[in-house]
């Protein structure tokens, strides 16, 4: 049996370990890796070579409006006149992947007033009823782009009408009634703005509309109980109703006069006797005497002529 020294034994053991490590590496490398225990993280950022170049020419604005009554979008351009119950202006930008924020501002210099809104999206809208009145406006739409720059477009001289004149109609008394005691004065009212709050003034005339007395002011209902007791009984009364939405005003009155009251008035008729006196002046007498003299002379001349012609 061959004996090895300690140095030779250590060298053989090292060679064996290296051989085993080499064989294990070759076997492991031959096995296909079909699955991984950990997901591969990929960068979501584009490289400089693939990053899009953004400019003002790359974005386009679509400006429209709609109302509570009609949701159909209608395009808005310079100089347009638009109106309805709650006019809502919408600004939409394309292409959407370039937009990180949209801003819209509507300015009415004549009021003066403005409304605005901003959204972290390619679309933004604003309700222009917040302007508080109808006016000619300037619309400023802005898009903030992915590269940090912004692009704005201005649409000018757009007349926006959110508010309308309310209507009122007197129902009773509307002409021909005879009222004594307590009755309800009634009327109807309407406004194209669904959420409008209307207030009314009630006025009474006893002289066919030449003058009026306020019976009630700034009431919020469409009727008023009124006692006609103690008023002179006349057939010349009229009712007039005023309505306002806080901005606009209109009115209506009874179609014709009616009778009301319970105090009877006494009418006194004064008869005037006129005496006619005929006065004859001196000049009149002289004229009459002269006329009689001429007539008498003509008659005498005719008589003398007749007698002389008969006897001669």
Foldseek 3Di string as FASTA:
>chain_A
DDDDDPVVVVVVVVVVVVVVVVVVVVVVVVDDDPDDPDDDDDDPDDDPVPDDDDDPVQKDKFKWWDAPVGPDTDGDAAQAEDEAAFIKIKIAMPPFQFFQKKKKKKAFPVVGAIDIDMDRGRMDMDGPVVRVAWGWIKMKMKTQTPVRDMDIDIHGRYTYGNFDAKDKAWDPPQAAAEDAFKDKGFIDIDTRHPPFQKFKWKWKDQAQPPDIDTPDGGDRDGIDIDHQEPPEWGQRMKMKMWMDSPPHIDIYMRNGTGTYYDHYDDDDDDDDDDDDDDDQDPVNVVVVVVVVVVVVVVVVVVVVVVVVVVPD
